[in-house]
Amino acid sequence: MNWLVLSIVASVVLTVVLNLAIRLFPGSAERGARRVDDWAERQAAAREPGQARTQVIVPWKAMLIGSLVLTVGLNLLLWLL
């Protein structure tokens, strides 16, 4: 059971720390997004014409909830075994 609590606490703490880092350094989220956009544009430019382009959109709230659910589920499974 200690692993379950530790995993949930670590997940929440990491989320809070990352959100605080964004708040403490105004503009860092925009700079990071711009860097990712620039990288994606360079990758697209390097792609051969006619190659299929894949766009992946992941909602962050669903990822957070999914992470917590999977953490709890995996730890419960390990605890039962």
Protein backbone atom coordinates (compact mmCIF):
# COMPACT_ATOMS: atom_id res chain seq x y z
CA MET A 1 0.00 0.00 0.00
CA ASN A 2 2.96 2.32 0.56
CA TRP A 3 3.77 2.15 -3.17
CA LEU A 4 0.27 3.21 -4.06
CA VAL A 5 0.38 6.25 -1.80
CA LEU A 6 3.90 7.12 -2.92
CA SER A 7 2.96 6.88 -6.61
CA ILE A 8 -0.15 9.03 -6.24
CA VAL A 9 1.68 11.64 -4.17
CA ALA A 10 4.61 11.70 -6.61
CA SER A 11 2.25 12.15 -9.56
CA VAL A 12 0.40 15.02 -7.91
CA VAL A 13 3.61 16.67 -6.66
CA LEU A 14 5.19 16.49 -10.12
CA THR A 15 2.09 18.07 -11.67
CA VAL A 16 2.06 20.86 -9.08
CA VAL A 17 5.81 21.51 -9.43
CA LEU A 18 5.56 21.77 -13.22
CA ASN A 19 2.59 24.13 -12.94
CA LEU A 20 4.42 26.28 -10.37
CA ALA A 21 7.47 26.42 -12.62
CA ILE A 22 5.30 27.77 -15.42
CA ARG A 23 3.81 30.37 -13.07
CA LEU A 24 7.17 31.42 -11.59
CA PHE A 25 8.74 31.96 -15.00
CA PRO A 26 6.21 33.95 -17.03
CA GLY A 27 6.47 33.28 -20.72
CA SER A 28 8.25 29.96 -20.29
CA ALA A 29 5.23 28.01 -21.53
CA GLU A 30 5.03 30.17 -24.66
CA ARG A 31 8.78 29.85 -25.29
CA GLY A 32 8.55 26.09 -24.89
CA ALA A 33 5.56 25.90 -27.22
CA ARG A 34 7.42 28.03 -29.79
CA ARG A 35 10.45 25.75 -29.60
CA VAL A 36 8.28 22.70 -30.15
CA ASP A 37 6.55 24.44 -33.08
CA ASP A 38 9.91 25.37 -34.61
CA TRP A 39 11.15 21.82 -34.23
CA ALA A 40 7.96 20.45 -35.80
CA GLU A 41 8.30 22.85 -38.74
CA ARG A 42 11.89 21.75 -39.31
CA GLN A 43 10.79 18.13 -39.25
CA ALA A 44 7.96 18.86 -41.70
CA ALA A 45 10.35 20.70 -44.02
CA ALA A 46 12.72 17.72 -43.98
CA ARG A 47 9.88 15.36 -44.88
CA GLU A 48 9.68 14.18 -48.48
CA PRO A 49 6.72 15.45 -50.52
CA GLY A 50 3.89 12.95 -50.59
CA GLN A 51 4.74 11.45 -47.21
CA ALA A 52 1.74 11.14 -44.93
CA ARG A 53 1.54 13.65 -42.08
CA THR A 54 0.26 12.49 -38.72
CA GLN A 55 -1.19 14.96 -36.25
CA VAL A 56 -1.60 13.84 -32.67
CA ILE A 57 -3.67 15.86 -30.22
CA VAL A 58 -3.70 14.71 -26.59
CA PRO A 59 -5.87 16.47 -24.01
CA TRP A 60 -3.78 17.08 -20.89
CA LYS A 61 -6.66 16.54 -18.46
CA ALA A 62 -7.36 13.09 -19.89
CA MET A 63 -3.66 12.26 -19.67
CA LEU A 64 -3.54 13.30 -16.01
CA ILE A 65 -6.65 11.29 -15.12
CA GLY A 66 -5.40 8.32 -17.13
CA SER A 67 -2.04 8.48 -15.39
CA LEU A 68 -3.64 8.48 -11.95
CA VAL A 69 -6.01 5.62 -12.84
CA LEU A 70 -3.20 3.52 -14.31
CA THR A 71 -0.95 4.24 -11.32
CA VAL A 72 -3.64 3.16 -8.88
CA GLY A 73 -4.53 0.09 -10.96
CA LEU A 74 -0.96 -1.06 -11.38
CA ASN A 75 -0.14 -0.57 -7.72
CA LEU A 76 -3.29 -2.39 -6.62
CA LEU A 77 -2.36 -5.29 -8.91
CA LEU A 78 1.17 -5.38 -7.48
CA TRP A 79 -0.19 -5.16 -3.95
CA LEU A 80 -2.59 -8.07 -4.56
CA LEU A 81 0.19 -10.23 -6.00
